[in-house]
């Protein structure tokens, strides 16, 4: 069974920074893409940032230039450095990974971590 464990959420003032991390554990052949999504109250879950196995990245327009996604393949961990945080960044942030088990790819999700940006 594959498990994603997130850490690093919390409360921060607008303009501040937070760092999230997500480590994958369990039995699998490899992890292809890893990313972060978020869901604010009353809104749909949206992509924040994604990093593919080869290192290519995608960002939501709203976070470009402020957030940076990275991964450590040896540790099966993905990170999200969030700078210049805004009130509208407040949401539950979910880690996502496309994991290959016995030649079958499946999406896995973490339990979510709350990020709250205050004025």
PDB file of N, CA and C in Angstrom:
ATOM      1  N   UNK A   1       0.844  -1.184   0.000  1.00  0.00           N
ATOM      2  CA  UNK A   1       0.000   0.000   0.000  1.00  0.00           C
ATOM      3  C   UNK A   1       0.885   1.243   0.000  1.00  0.00           C
ATOM      4  N   UNK A   2       0.518   2.210  -0.835  1.00  0.00           N
ATOM      5  CA  UNK A   2       1.275   3.450  -0.940  1.00  0.00           C
ATOM      6  C   UNK A   2       0.652   4.495  -0.028  1.00  0.00           C
ATOM      7  N   UNK A   3       1.515   5.212   0.671  1.00  0.00           N
ATOM      8  CA  UNK A   3       1.034   6.240   1.578  1.00  0.00           C
ATOM      9  C   UNK A   3       1.809   7.523   1.335  1.00  0.00           C
ATOM     10  N   UNK A   4       1.093   8.637   1.340  1.00  0.00           N
ATOM     11  CA  UNK A   4       1.721   9.954   1.215  1.00  0.00           C
ATOM     12  C   UNK A   4       1.529  10.695   2.528  1.00  0.00           C
ATOM     13  N   UNK A   5       2.617  11.146   3.089  1.00  0.00           N
ATOM     14  CA  UNK A   5       2.574  11.840   4.367  1.00  0.00           C
ATOM     15  C   UNK A   5       3.041  13.268   4.182  1.00  0.00           C
ATOM     16  N   UNK A   6       2.140  14.216   4.431  1.00  0.00           N
ATOM     17  CA  UNK A   6       2.450  15.629   4.268  1.00  0.00           C
ATOM     18  C   UNK A   6       2.847  16.253   5.596  1.00  0.00           C
ATOM     19  N   UNK A   7       3.616  17.320   5.504  1.00  0.00           N
ATOM     20  CA  UNK A   7       3.958  18.088   6.695  1.00  0.00           C
ATOM     21  C   UNK A   7       4.281  19.511   6.282  1.00  0.00           C
ATOM     22  N   UNK A   8       4.198  20.422   7.258  1.00  0.00           N
ATOM     23  CA  UNK A   8       4.661  21.779   7.024  1.00  0.00           C
ATOM     24  C   UNK A   8       3.602  22.848   6.933  1.00  0.00           C
ATOM     25  N   UNK A   9       2.343  22.503   7.008  1.00  0.00           N
ATOM     26  CA  UNK A   9       1.324  23.551   6.948  1.00  0.00           C
ATOM     27  C   UNK A   9       1.308  24.366   8.221  1.00  0.00           C
ATOM     28  N   UNK A  10       0.449  25.401   8.243  1.00  0.00           N
ATOM     29  CA  UNK A  10       0.340  26.208   9.440  1.00  0.00           C
ATOM     30  C   UNK A  10      -0.223  27.578   9.152  1.00  0.00           C
ATOM     31  N   UNK A  11      -0.004  28.468  10.104  1.00  0.00           N
ATOM     32  CA  UNK A  11      -0.510  29.839  10.025  1.00  0.00           C
ATOM     33  C   UNK A  11       0.653  30.786   9.775  1.00  0.00           C
ATOM     34  N   UNK A  12       0.461  31.688   8.827  1.00  0.00           N
ATOM     35  CA  UNK A  12       1.506  32.646   8.486  1.00  0.00           C
ATOM     36  C   UNK A  12       0.856  33.958   8.091  1.00  0.00           C
ATOM     37  N   UNK A  13       1.566  35.041   8.316  1.00  0.00           N
ATOM     38  CA  UNK A  13       1.057  36.338   7.907  1.00  0.00           C
ATOM     39  C   UNK A  13       1.269  36.554   6.415  1.00  0.00           C
ATOM     40  N   UNK A  14       0.424  37.372   5.837  1.00  0.00           N
ATOM     41  CA  UNK A  14       0.568  37.710   4.429  1.00  0.00           C
ATOM     42  C   UNK A  14       1.969  38.255   4.172  1.00  0.00           C
ATOM     43  N   UNK A  15       2.556  37.802   3.075  1.00  0.00           N
ATOM     44  CA  UNK A  15       3.917  38.190   2.749  1.00  0.00           C
ATOM     45  C   UNK A  15       4.960  37.235   3.273  1.00  0.00           C
ATOM     46  N   UNK A  16       4.542  36.333   4.133  1.00  0.00           N
ATOM     47  CA  UNK A  16       5.465  35.379   4.721  1.00  0.00           C
ATOM     48  C   UNK A  16       5.678  34.159   3.852  1.00  0.00           C
ATOM     49  N   UNK A  17       6.390  33.180   4.419  1.00  0.00           N
ATOM     50  CA  UNK A  17       6.752  31.975   3.687  1.00  0.00           C
ATOM     51  C   UNK A  17       6.420  30.728   4.488  1.00  0.00           C
ATOM     52  N   UNK A  18       6.133  29.665   3.777  1.00  0.00           N
ATOM     53  CA  UNK A  18       5.944  28.342   4.366  1.00  0.00           C
ATOM     54  C   UNK A  18       6.510  27.316   3.413  1.00  0.00           C
ATOM     55  N   UNK A  19       6.911  26.192   3.976  1.00  0.00           N
ATOM     56  CA  UNK A  19       7.425  25.102   3.157  1.00  0.00           C
ATOM     57  C   UNK A  19       6.647  23.845   3.482  1.00  0.00           C
ATOM     58  N   UNK A  20       6.186  23.159   2.457  1.00  0.00           N
ATOM     59  CA  UNK A  20       5.487  21.888   2.608  1.00  0.00           C
ATOM     60  C   UNK A  20       6.367  20.762   2.087  1.00  0.00           C
ATOM     61  N   UNK A  21       6.193  19.599   2.683  1.00  0.00           N
ATOM     62  CA  UNK A  21       6.871  18.420   2.166  1.00  0.00           C
ATOM     63  C   UNK A  21       5.904  17.244   2.185  1.00  0.00           C
ATOM     64  N   UNK A  22       6.164  16.290   1.318  1.00  0.00           N
ATOM     65  CA  UNK A  22       5.316  15.104   1.207  1.00  0.00           C
ATOM     66  C   UNK A  22       6.201  13.924   0.851  1.00  0.00           C
ATOM     67  N   UNK A  23       6.199  12.925   1.706  1.00  0.00           N
ATOM     68  CA  UNK A  23       7.015  11.738   1.494  1.00  0.00           C
ATOM     69  C   UNK A  23       6.136  10.539   1.177  1.00  0.00           C
ATOM     70  N   UNK A  24       6.517   9.811   0.152  1.00  0.00           N
ATOM     71  CA  UNK A  24       5.801   8.600  -0.229  1.00  0.00           C
ATOM     72  C   UNK A  24       6.480   7.393   0.387  1.00  0.00           C
ATOM     73  N   UNK A  25       5.660   6.486   0.885  1.00  0.00           N
ATOM     74  CA  UNK A  25       6.199   5.255   1.457  1.00  0.00           C
ATOM     75  C   UNK A  25       5.348   4.078   1.000  1.00  0.00           C
ATOM     76  N   UNK A  26       5.906   2.880   1.147  1.00  0.00           N
ATOM     77  CA  UNK A  26       5.192   1.683   0.730  1.00  0.00           C
ATOM     78  C   UNK A  26       5.952   0.960  -0.356  1.00  0.00           C
ATOM     79  N   UNK A  27       5.271   0.057  -1.001  1.00  0.00           N
ATOM     80  CA  UNK A  27       5.920  -0.742  -2.039  1.00  0.00           C
ATOM     81  C   UNK A  27       5.454  -0.262  -3.401  1.00  0.00           C
ATOM     82  N   UNK A  28       6.395   0.139  -4.237  1.00  0.00           N
ATOM     83  CA  UNK A  28       6.059   0.559  -5.590  1.00  0.00           C
ATOM     84  C   UNK A  28       7.306   0.454  -6.462  1.00  0.00           C
ATOM     85  N   UNK A  29       7.067   0.445  -7.786  1.00  0.00           N
ATOM     86  CA  UNK A  29       8.172   0.342  -8.730  1.00  0.00           C
ATOM     87  C   UNK A  29       8.860   1.694  -8.901  1.00  0.00           C
ATOM     88  N   UNK A  30       8.071   2.740  -9.064  1.00  0.00           N
ATOM     89  CA  UNK A  30       8.631   4.086  -9.209  1.00  0.00           C
ATOM     90  C   UNK A  30       7.501   5.090  -9.036  1.00  0.00           C
ATOM     91  N   UNK A  31       7.898   6.355  -8.888  1.00  0.00           N
ATOM     92  CA  UNK A  31       6.947   7.451  -8.857  1.00  0.00           C
ATOM     93  C   UNK A  31       7.200   8.326 -10.076  1.00  0.00           C
ATOM     94  N   UNK A  32       6.191   8.522 -10.870  1.00  0.00           N
ATOM     95  CA  UNK A  32       6.333   9.395 -12.022  1.00  0.00           C
ATOM     96  C   UNK A  32       6.131  10.840 -11.566  1.00  0.00           C
ATOM     97  N   UNK A  33       4.969  11.414 -11.739  1.00  0.00           N
ATOM     98  CA  UNK A  33       4.743  12.791 -11.334  1.00  0.00           C
ATOM     99  C   UNK A  33       4.386  12.930  -9.868  1.00  0.00           C
ATOM    100  N   UNK A  34       4.720  14.083  -9.314  1.00  0.00           N
ATOM    101  CA  UNK A  34       4.310  14.434  -7.953  1.00  0.00           C
ATOM    102  C   UNK A  34       3.876  15.892  -7.973  1.00  0.00           C
ATOM    103  N   UNK A  35       2.892  16.207  -7.170  1.00  0.00           N
ATOM    104  CA  UNK A  35       2.418  17.581  -7.208  1.00  0.00           C
ATOM    105  C   UNK A  35       1.641  17.991  -5.987  1.00  0.00           C
ATOM    106  N   UNK A  36       1.224  19.223  -6.009  1.00  0.00           N
ATOM    107  CA  UNK A  36       0.431  19.813  -4.941  1.00  0.00           C
ATOM    108  C   UNK A  36      -0.842  20.420  -5.525  1.00  0.00           C
ATOM    109  N   UNK A  37      -1.937  20.138  -4.868  1.00  0.00           N
ATOM    110  CA  UNK A  37      -3.220  20.718  -5.188  1.00  0.00           C
ATOM    111  C   UNK A  37      -3.728  21.410  -3.930  1.00  0.00           C
ATOM    112  N   UNK A  38      -4.710  22.284  -4.100  1.00  0.00           N
ATOM    113  CA  UNK A  38      -5.299  22.922  -2.925  1.00  0.00           C
ATOM    114  C   UNK A  38      -6.797  23.089  -3.114  1.00  0.00           C
ATOM    115  N   UNK A  39      -7.466  23.171  -1.985  1.00  0.00           N
ATOM    116  CA  UNK A  39      -8.905  23.363  -2.009  1.00  0.00           C
ATOM    117  C   UNK A  39      -9.284  24.344  -0.918  1.00  0.00           C
ATOM    118  N   UNK A  40      -9.827  25.472  -1.337  1.00  0.00           N
ATOM    119  CA  UNK A  40     -10.318  26.479  -0.401  1.00  0.00           C
ATOM    120  C   UNK A  40     -11.798  26.216  -0.121  1.00  0.00           C
ATOM    121  N   UNK A  41     -12.306  26.702   0.983  1.00  0.00           N
ATOM    122  CA  UNK A  41     -13.721  26.486   1.322  1.00  0.00           C
ATOM    123  C   UNK A  41     -14.646  26.959   0.211  1.00  0.00           C
ATOM    124  N   UNK A  42     -15.548  26.094  -0.197  1.00  0.00           N
ATOM    125  CA  UNK A  42     -16.514  26.444  -1.224  1.00  0.00           C
ATOM    126  C   UNK A  42     -15.982  26.426  -2.639  1.00  0.00           C
ATOM    127  N   UNK A  43     -14.739  26.000  -2.796  1.00  0.00           N
ATOM    128  CA  UNK A  43     -14.138  25.979  -4.133  1.00  0.00           C
ATOM    129  C   UNK A  43     -13.697  24.576  -4.505  1.00  0.00           C
ATOM    130  N   UNK A  44     -13.473  24.376  -5.792  1.00  0.00           N
ATOM    131  CA  UNK A  44     -12.999  23.078  -6.257  1.00  0.00           C
ATOM    132  C   UNK A  44     -11.506  22.945  -6.005  1.00  0.00           C
ATOM    133  N   UNK A  45     -11.069  21.704  -5.929  1.00  0.00           N
ATOM    134  CA  UNK A  45      -9.647  21.455  -5.795  1.00  0.00           C
ATOM    135  C   UNK A  45      -8.953  21.886  -7.085  1.00  0.00           C
ATOM    136  N   UNK A  46      -7.811  22.562  -6.931  1.00  0.00           N
ATOM    137  CA  UNK A  46      -7.088  23.068  -8.092  1.00  0.00           C
ATOM    138  C   UNK A  46      -5.609  22.710  -8.012  1.00  0.00           C
ATOM    139  N   UNK A  47      -5.008  22.594  -9.174  1.00  0.00           N
ATOM    140  CA  UNK A  47      -3.579  22.323  -9.246  1.00  0.00           C
ATOM    141  C   UNK A  47      -2.810  23.561  -8.804  1.00  0.00           C
ATOM    142  N   UNK A  48      -1.815  23.345  -7.973  1.00  0.00           N
ATOM    143  CA  UNK A  48      -0.901  24.420  -7.572  1.00  0.00           C
ATOM    144  C   UNK A  48       0.412  24.286  -8.337  1.00  0.00           C
ATOM    145  N   UNK A  49       1.015  23.126  -8.253  1.00  0.00           N
ATOM    146  CA  UNK A  49       2.295  22.900  -8.911  1.00  0.00           C
ATOM    147  C   UNK A  49       2.487  21.404  -9.102  1.00  0.00           C
ATOM    148  N   UNK A  50       3.208  21.056 -10.167  1.00  0.00           N
ATOM    149  CA  UNK A  50       3.430  19.644 -10.488  1.00  0.00           C
ATOM    150  C   UNK A  50       4.826  19.480 -11.049  1.00  0.00           C
ATOM    151  N   UNK A  51       5.466  18.373 -10.685  1.00  0.00           N
ATOM    152  CA  UNK A  51       6.799  18.092 -11.206  1.00  0.00           C
ATOM    153  C   UNK A  51       6.820  16.667 -11.726  1.00  0.00           C
ATOM    154  N   UNK A  52       7.253  16.507 -12.968  1.00  0.00           N
ATOM    155  CA  UNK A  52       7.260  15.190 -13.599  1.00  0.00           C
ATOM    156  C   UNK A  52       8.542  14.444 -13.256  1.00  0.00           C
ATOM    157  N   UNK A  53       8.571  13.180 -13.650  1.00  0.00           N
ATOM    158  CA  UNK A  53       9.726  12.367 -13.331  1.00  0.00           C
ATOM    159  C   UNK A  53      11.023  12.929 -13.872  1.00  0.00           C
ATOM    160  N   UNK A  54      10.964  13.547 -15.042  1.00  0.00           N
ATOM    161  CA  UNK A  54      12.169  14.123 -15.638  1.00  0.00           C
ATOM    162  C   UNK A  54      12.524  15.496 -15.101  1.00  0.00           C
ATOM    163  N   UNK A  55      11.658  16.048 -14.248  1.00  0.00           N
ATOM    164  CA  UNK A  55      11.959  17.335 -13.628  1.00  0.00           C
ATOM    165  C   UNK A  55      11.185  18.516 -14.188  1.00  0.00           C
ATOM    166  N   UNK A  56      10.432  18.313 -15.280  1.00  0.00           N
ATOM    167  CA  UNK A  56       9.648  19.419 -15.828  1.00  0.00           C
ATOM    168  C   UNK A  56       8.560  19.817 -14.831  1.00  0.00           C
ATOM    169  N   UNK A  57       8.287  21.107 -14.762  1.00  0.00           N
ATOM    170  CA  UNK A  57       7.339  21.613 -13.775  1.00  0.00           C
ATOM    171  C   UNK A  57       6.216  22.408 -14.422  1.00  0.00           C
ATOM    172  N   UNK A  58       5.099  22.430 -13.744  1.00  0.00           N
ATOM    173  CA  UNK A  58       3.957  23.258 -14.122  1.00  0.00           C
ATOM    174  C   UNK A  58       3.470  23.990 -12.876  1.00  0.00           C
ATOM    175  N   UNK A  59       3.026  25.208 -13.070  1.00  0.00           N
ATOM    176  CA  UNK A  59       2.504  26.002 -11.971  1.00  0.00           C
ATOM    177  C   UNK A  59       1.180  26.652 -12.370  1.00  0.00           C
ATOM    178  N   UNK A  60       0.311  26.811 -11.385  1.00  0.00           N
ATOM    179  CA  UNK A  60      -0.860  27.631 -11.602  1.00  0.00           C
ATOM    180  C   UNK A  60      -0.406  29.071 -11.803  1.00  0.00           C
ATOM    181  N   UNK A  61      -1.106  29.791 -12.654  1.00  0.00           N
ATOM    182  CA  UNK A  61      -0.721  31.180 -12.919  1.00  0.00           C
ATOM    183  C   UNK A  61      -0.679  32.009 -11.638  1.00  0.00           C
ATOM    184  N   UNK A  62      -1.562  31.690 -10.719  1.00  0.00           N
ATOM    185  CA  UNK A  62      -1.684  32.485  -9.497  1.00  0.00           C
ATOM    186  C   UNK A  62      -0.483  32.345  -8.559  1.00  0.00           C
ATOM    187  N   UNK A  63       0.343  31.318  -8.768  1.00  0.00           N
ATOM    188  CA  UNK A  63       1.480  31.113  -7.859  1.00  0.00           C
ATOM    189  C   UNK A  63       2.831  31.245  -8.556  1.00  0.00           C
ATOM    190  N   UNK A  64       2.829  31.437  -9.859  1.00  0.00           N
ATOM    191  CA  UNK A  64       4.086  31.565 -10.589  1.00  0.00           C
ATOM    192  C   UNK A  64       4.915  32.716 -10.031  1.00  0.00           C
ATOM    193  N   UNK A  65       6.192  32.446  -9.845  1.00  0.00           N
ATOM    194  CA  UNK A  65       7.086  33.450  -9.313  1.00  0.00           C
ATOM    195  C   UNK A  65       7.099  33.524  -7.799  1.00  0.00           C
ATOM    196  N   UNK A  66       6.151  32.851  -7.147  1.00  0.00           N
ATOM    197  CA  UNK A  66       6.095  32.862  -5.680  1.00  0.00           C
ATOM    198  C   UNK A  66       6.331  31.481  -5.076  1.00  0.00           C
ATOM    199  N   UNK A  67       5.871  30.448  -5.762  1.00  0.00           N
ATOM    200  CA  UNK A  67       6.005  29.073  -5.255  1.00  0.00           C
ATOM    201  C   UNK A  67       7.034  28.321  -6.095  1.00  0.00           C
ATOM    202  N   UNK A  68       7.721  27.407  -5.449  1.00  0.00           N
ATOM    203  CA  UNK A  68       8.685  26.561  -6.139  1.00  0.00           C
ATOM    204  C   UNK A  68       8.490  25.116  -5.704  1.00  0.00           C
ATOM    205  N   UNK A  69       8.318  24.240  -6.685  1.00  0.00           N
ATOM    206  CA  UNK A  69       8.189  22.815  -6.401  1.00  0.00           C
ATOM    207  C   UNK A  69       9.509  22.128  -6.720  1.00  0.00           C
ATOM    208  N   UNK A  70       9.854  21.147  -5.896  1.00  0.00           N
ATOM    209  CA  UNK A  70      11.071  20.370  -6.140  1.00  0.00           C
ATOM    210  C   UNK A  70      10.844  18.971  -5.583  1.00  0.00           C
ATOM    211  N   UNK A  71      11.736  18.061  -5.951  1.00  0.00           N
ATOM    212  CA  UNK A  71      11.594  16.699  -5.451  1.00  0.00           C
ATOM    213  C   UNK A  71      12.958  16.081  -5.225  1.00  0.00           C
ATOM    214  N   UNK A  72      12.980  15.146  -4.296  1.00  0.00           N
ATOM    215  CA  UNK A  72      14.171  14.364  -4.012  1.00  0.00           C
ATOM    216  C   UNK A  72      13.800  12.924  -4.319  1.00  0.00           C
ATOM    217  N   UNK A  73      14.226  12.435  -5.470  1.00  0.00           N
ATOM    218  CA  UNK A  73      13.826  11.095  -5.892  1.00  0.00           C
ATOM    219  C   UNK A  73      14.360  10.006  -4.959  1.00  0.00           C
ATOM    220  N   UNK A  74      15.519  10.231  -4.406  1.00  0.00           N
ATOM    221  CA  UNK A  74      16.090   9.236  -3.495  1.00  0.00           C
ATOM    222  C   UNK A  74      15.244   9.075  -2.234  1.00  0.00           C
ATOM    223  N   UNK A  75      14.564  10.151  -1.855  1.00  0.00           N
ATOM    224  CA  UNK A  75      13.730  10.118  -0.648  1.00  0.00           C
ATOM    225  C   UNK A  75      12.251  10.002  -0.982  1.00  0.00           C
ATOM    226  N   UNK A  76      11.915   9.919  -2.270  1.00  0.00           N
ATOM    227  CA  UNK A  76      10.512   9.862  -2.695  1.00  0.00           C
ATOM    228  C   UNK A  76       9.705  10.990  -2.073  1.00  0.00           C
ATOM    229  N   UNK A  77      10.284  12.171  -2.094  1.00  0.00           N
ATOM    230  CA  UNK A  77       9.683  13.318  -1.418  1.00  0.00           C
ATOM    231  C   UNK A  77       9.562  14.499  -2.373  1.00  0.00           C
ATOM    232  N   UNK A  78       8.438  15.195  -2.257  1.00  0.00           N
ATOM    233  CA  UNK A  78       8.216  16.411  -3.020  1.00  0.00           C
ATOM    234  C   UNK A  78       8.049  17.563  -2.040  1.00  0.00           C
ATOM    235  N   UNK A  79       8.551  18.724  -2.447  1.00  0.00           N
ATOM    236  CA  UNK A  79       8.527  19.903  -1.599  1.00  0.00           C
ATOM    237  C   UNK A  79       7.800  21.039  -2.317  1.00  0.00           C
ATOM    238  N   UNK A  80       7.256  21.936  -1.529  1.00  0.00           N
ATOM    239  CA  UNK A  80       6.663  23.151  -2.082  1.00  0.00           C
ATOM    240  C   UNK A  80       7.090  24.317  -1.210  1.00  0.00           C
ATOM    241  N   UNK A  81       7.922  25.173  -1.768  1.00  0.00           N
ATOM    242  CA  UNK A  81       8.343  26.385  -1.076  1.00  0.00           C
ATOM    243  C   UNK A  81       7.405  27.505  -1.492  1.00  0.00           C
ATOM    244  N   UNK A  82       6.740  28.098  -0.520  1.00  0.00           N
ATOM    245  CA  UNK A  82       5.747  29.134  -0.797  1.00  0.00           C
ATOM    246  C   UNK A  82       6.226  30.446  -0.198  1.00  0.00           C
ATOM    247  N   UNK A  83       6.465  31.416  -1.048  1.00  0.00           N
ATOM    248  CA  UNK A  83       6.915  32.742  -0.625  1.00  0.00           C
ATOM    249  C   UNK A  83       5.864  33.780  -0.983  1.00  0.00           C
ATOM    250  N   UNK A  84       5.984  34.932  -0.366  1.00  0.00           N
ATOM    251  CA  UNK A  84       5.066  36.048  -0.641  1.00  0.00           C
ATOM    252  C   UNK A  84       3.615  35.598  -0.585  1.00  0.00           C
ATOM    253  N   UNK A  85       3.287  34.901   0.475  1.00  0.00           N
ATOM    254  CA  UNK A  85       1.949  34.326   0.591  1.00  0.00           C
ATOM    255  C   UNK A  85       0.883  35.402   0.666  1.00  0.00           C
ATOM    256  N   UNK A  86      -0.258  35.101   0.060  1.00  0.00           N
ATOM    257  CA  UNK A  86      -1.383  36.016   0.015  1.00  0.00           C
ATOM    258  C   UNK A  86      -2.576  35.385   0.743  1.00  0.00           C
ATOM    259  N   UNK A  87      -3.521  36.232   1.108  1.00  0.00           N
ATOM    260  CA  UNK A  87      -4.710  35.728   1.785  1.00  0.00           C
ATOM    261  C   UNK A  87      -5.395  34.642   0.962  1.00  0.00           C
ATOM    262  N   UNK A  88      -5.379  34.822  -0.344  1.00  0.00           N
ATOM    263  CA  UNK A  88      -6.076  33.872  -1.213  1.00  0.00           C
ATOM    264  C   UNK A  88      -5.348  32.537  -1.357  1.00  0.00           C
ATOM    265  N   UNK A  89      -4.191  32.415  -0.768  1.00  0.00           N
ATOM    266  CA  UNK A  89      -3.489  31.124  -0.754  1.00  0.00           C
ATOM    267  C   UNK A  89      -4.013  30.216   0.363  1.00  0.00           C
ATOM    268  N   UNK A  90      -4.855  30.748   1.208  1.00  0.00           N
ATOM    269  CA  UNK A  90      -5.423  29.948   2.290  1.00  0.00           C
ATOM    270  C   UNK A  90      -6.238  28.795   1.733  1.00  0.00           C
ATOM    271  N   UNK A  91      -5.904  27.589   2.141  1.00  0.00           N
ATOM    272  CA  UNK A  91      -6.578  26.393   1.627  1.00  0.00           C
ATOM    273  C   UNK A  91      -5.999  25.165   2.321  1.00  0.00           C
ATOM    274  N   UNK A  92      -6.639  24.032   2.076  1.00  0.00           N
ATOM    275  CA  UNK A  92      -6.031  22.756   2.429  1.00  0.00           C
ATOM    276  C   UNK A  92      -5.203  22.314   1.230  1.00  0.00           C
ATOM    277  N   UNK A  93      -3.962  22.011   1.474  1.00  0.00           N
ATOM    278  CA  UNK A  93      -3.044  21.608   0.414  1.00  0.00           C
ATOM    279  C   UNK A  93      -2.876  20.089   0.446  1.00  0.00           C
ATOM    280  N   UNK A  94      -3.049  19.480  -0.729  1.00  0.00           N
ATOM    281  CA  UNK A  94      -2.983  18.039  -0.856  1.00  0.00           C
ATOM    282  C   UNK A  94      -1.812  17.639  -1.747  1.00  0.00           C
ATOM    283  N   UNK A  95      -1.092  16.664  -1.296  1.00  0.00           N
ATOM    284  CA  UNK A  95      -0.028  16.075  -2.091  1.00  0.00           C
ATOM    285  C   UNK A  95      -0.617  15.001  -3.011  1.00  0.00           C
ATOM    286  N   UNK A  96      -0.084  14.920  -4.202  1.00  0.00           N
ATOM    287  CA  UNK A  96      -0.532  13.928  -5.181  1.00  0.00           C
ATOM    288  C   UNK A  96       0.685  13.252  -5.801  1.00  0.00           C
ATOM    289  N   UNK A  97       0.570  11.970  -6.060  1.00  0.00           N
ATOM    290  CA  UNK A  97       1.665  11.266  -6.724  1.00  0.00           C
ATOM    291  C   UNK A  97       1.104  10.242  -7.695  1.00  0.00           C
ATOM    292  N   UNK A  98       1.720  10.155  -8.840  1.00  0.00           N
ATOM    293  CA  UNK A  98       1.380   9.134  -9.834  1.00  0.00           C
ATOM    294  C   UNK A  98       2.375   7.996  -9.640  1.00  0.00           C
ATOM    295  N   UNK A  99       1.896   6.927  -9.054  1.00  0.00           N
ATOM    296  CA  UNK A  99       2.775   5.855  -8.595  1.00  0.00           C
ATOM    297  C   UNK A  99       2.577   4.623  -9.470  1.00  0.00           C
ATOM    298  N   UNK A 100       3.695   4.002  -9.823  1.00  0.00           N
ATOM    299  CA  UNK A 100       3.645   2.799 -10.643  1.00  0.00           C
ATOM    300  C   UNK A 100       3.891   1.575  -9.754  1.00  0.00           C
ATOM    301  N   UNK A 101       2.918   0.683  -9.753  1.00  0.00           N
ATOM    302  CA  UNK A 101       3.026  -0.564  -9.005  1.00  0.00           C
ATOM    303  C   UNK A 101       2.779  -1.703  -9.983  1.00  0.00           C
ATOM    304  N   UNK A 102       3.789  -2.523 -10.182  1.00  0.00           N
ATOM    305  CA  UNK A 102       3.664  -3.668 -11.109  1.00  0.00           C
ATOM    306  C   UNK A 102       3.127  -3.221 -12.463  1.00  0.00           C
ATOM    307  N   UNK A 103       3.724  -2.206 -13.015  1.00  0.00           N
ATOM    308  CA  UNK A 103       3.429  -1.678 -14.346  1.00  0.00           C
ATOM    309  C   UNK A 103       2.072  -0.993 -14.439  1.00  0.00           C
ATOM    310  N   UNK A 104       1.397  -0.784 -13.325  1.00  0.00           N
ATOM    311  CA  UNK A 104       0.127  -0.075 -13.332  1.00  0.00           C
ATOM    312  C   UNK A 104       0.277   1.254 -12.598  1.00  0.00           C
ATOM    313  N   UNK A 105      -0.155   2.338 -13.290  1.00  0.00           N
ATOM    314  CA  UNK A 105      -0.068   3.666 -12.695  1.00  0.00           C
ATOM    315  C   UNK A 105      -1.360   4.022 -11.980  1.00  0.00           C
ATOM    316  N   UNK A 106      -1.221   4.595 -10.810  1.00  0.00           N
ATOM    317  CA  UNK A 106      -2.396   5.022 -10.052  1.00  0.00           C
ATOM    318  C   UNK A 106      -2.087   6.323  -9.355  1.00  0.00           C
ATOM    319  N   UNK A 107      -3.124   7.127  -9.164  1.00  0.00           N
ATOM    320  CA  UNK A 107      -2.997   8.379  -8.409  1.00  0.00           C
ATOM    321  C   UNK A 107      -3.197   8.104  -6.923  1.00  0.00           C
ATOM    322  N   UNK A 108      -2.336   8.701  -6.121  1.00  0.00           N
ATOM    323  CA  UNK A 108      -2.476   8.630  -4.675  1.00  0.00           C
ATOM    324  C   UNK A 108      -2.510  10.043  -4.111  1.00  0.00           C
ATOM    325  N   UNK A 109      -3.216  10.193  -2.986  1.00  0.00           N
ATOM    326  CA  UNK A 109      -3.379  11.501  -2.363  1.00  0.00           C
ATOM    327  C   UNK A 109      -3.001  11.445  -0.887  1.00  0.00           C
ATOM    328  N   UNK A 110      -2.441  12.550  -0.429  1.00  0.00           N
ATOM    329  CA  UNK A 110      -2.205  12.696   0.989  1.00  0.00           C
ATOM    330  C   UNK A 110      -3.471  13.133   1.691  1.00  0.00           C
ATOM    331  N   UNK A 111      -3.386  13.243   3.009  1.00  0.00           N
ATOM    332  CA  UNK A 111      -4.561  13.566   3.797  1.00  0.00           C
ATOM    333  C   UNK A 111      -4.858  15.064   3.818  1.00  0.00           C
ATOM    334  N   UNK A 112      -3.923  15.861   3.373  1.00  0.00           N
ATOM    335  CA  UNK A 112      -4.110  17.305   3.333  1.00  0.00           C
ATOM    336  C   UNK A 112      -3.501  18.005   4.534  1.00  0.00           C
ATOM    337  N   UNK A 113      -3.000  19.198   4.295  1.00  0.00           N
ATOM    338  CA  UNK A 113      -2.446  20.013   5.374  1.00  0.00           C
ATOM    339  C   UNK A 113      -2.964  21.442   5.202  1.00  0.00           C
ATOM    340  N   UNK A 114      -3.393  22.038   6.307  1.00  0.00           N
ATOM    341  CA  UNK A 114      -3.997  23.365   6.253  1.00  0.00           C
ATOM    342  C   UNK A 114      -2.927  24.449   6.177  1.00  0.00           C
ATOM    343  N   UNK A 115      -3.129  25.359   5.240  1.00  0.00           N
ATOM    344  CA  UNK A 115      -2.309  26.565   5.149  1.00  0.00           C
ATOM    345  C   UNK A 115      -3.250  27.756   5.313  1.00  0.00           C
ATOM    346  N   UNK A 116      -2.974  28.567   6.316  1.00  0.00           N
ATOM    347  CA  UNK A 116      -3.808  29.735   6.582  1.00  0.00           C
ATOM    348  C   UNK A 116      -2.943  30.982   6.553  1.00  0.00           C
ATOM    349  N   UNK A 117      -3.315  31.923   5.696  1.00  0.00           N
ATOM    350  CA  UNK A 117      -2.586  33.177   5.574  1.00  0.00           C
ATOM    351  C   UNK A 117      -3.451  34.279   6.179  1.00  0.00           C
ATOM    352  N   UNK A 118      -2.905  34.984   7.150  1.00  0.00           N
ATOM    353  CA  UNK A 118      -3.652  36.031   7.857  1.00  0.00           C
ATOM    354  C   UNK A 118      -3.154  37.413   7.468  1.00  0.00           C
ATOM    355  N   UNK A 119      -3.997  38.388   7.669  1.00  0.00           N
ATOM    356  CA  UNK A 119      -3.627  39.765   7.310  1.00  0.00           C
ATOM    357  C   UNK A 119      -2.906  40.451   8.450  1.00  0.00           C
TER     358      UNK A 119
END
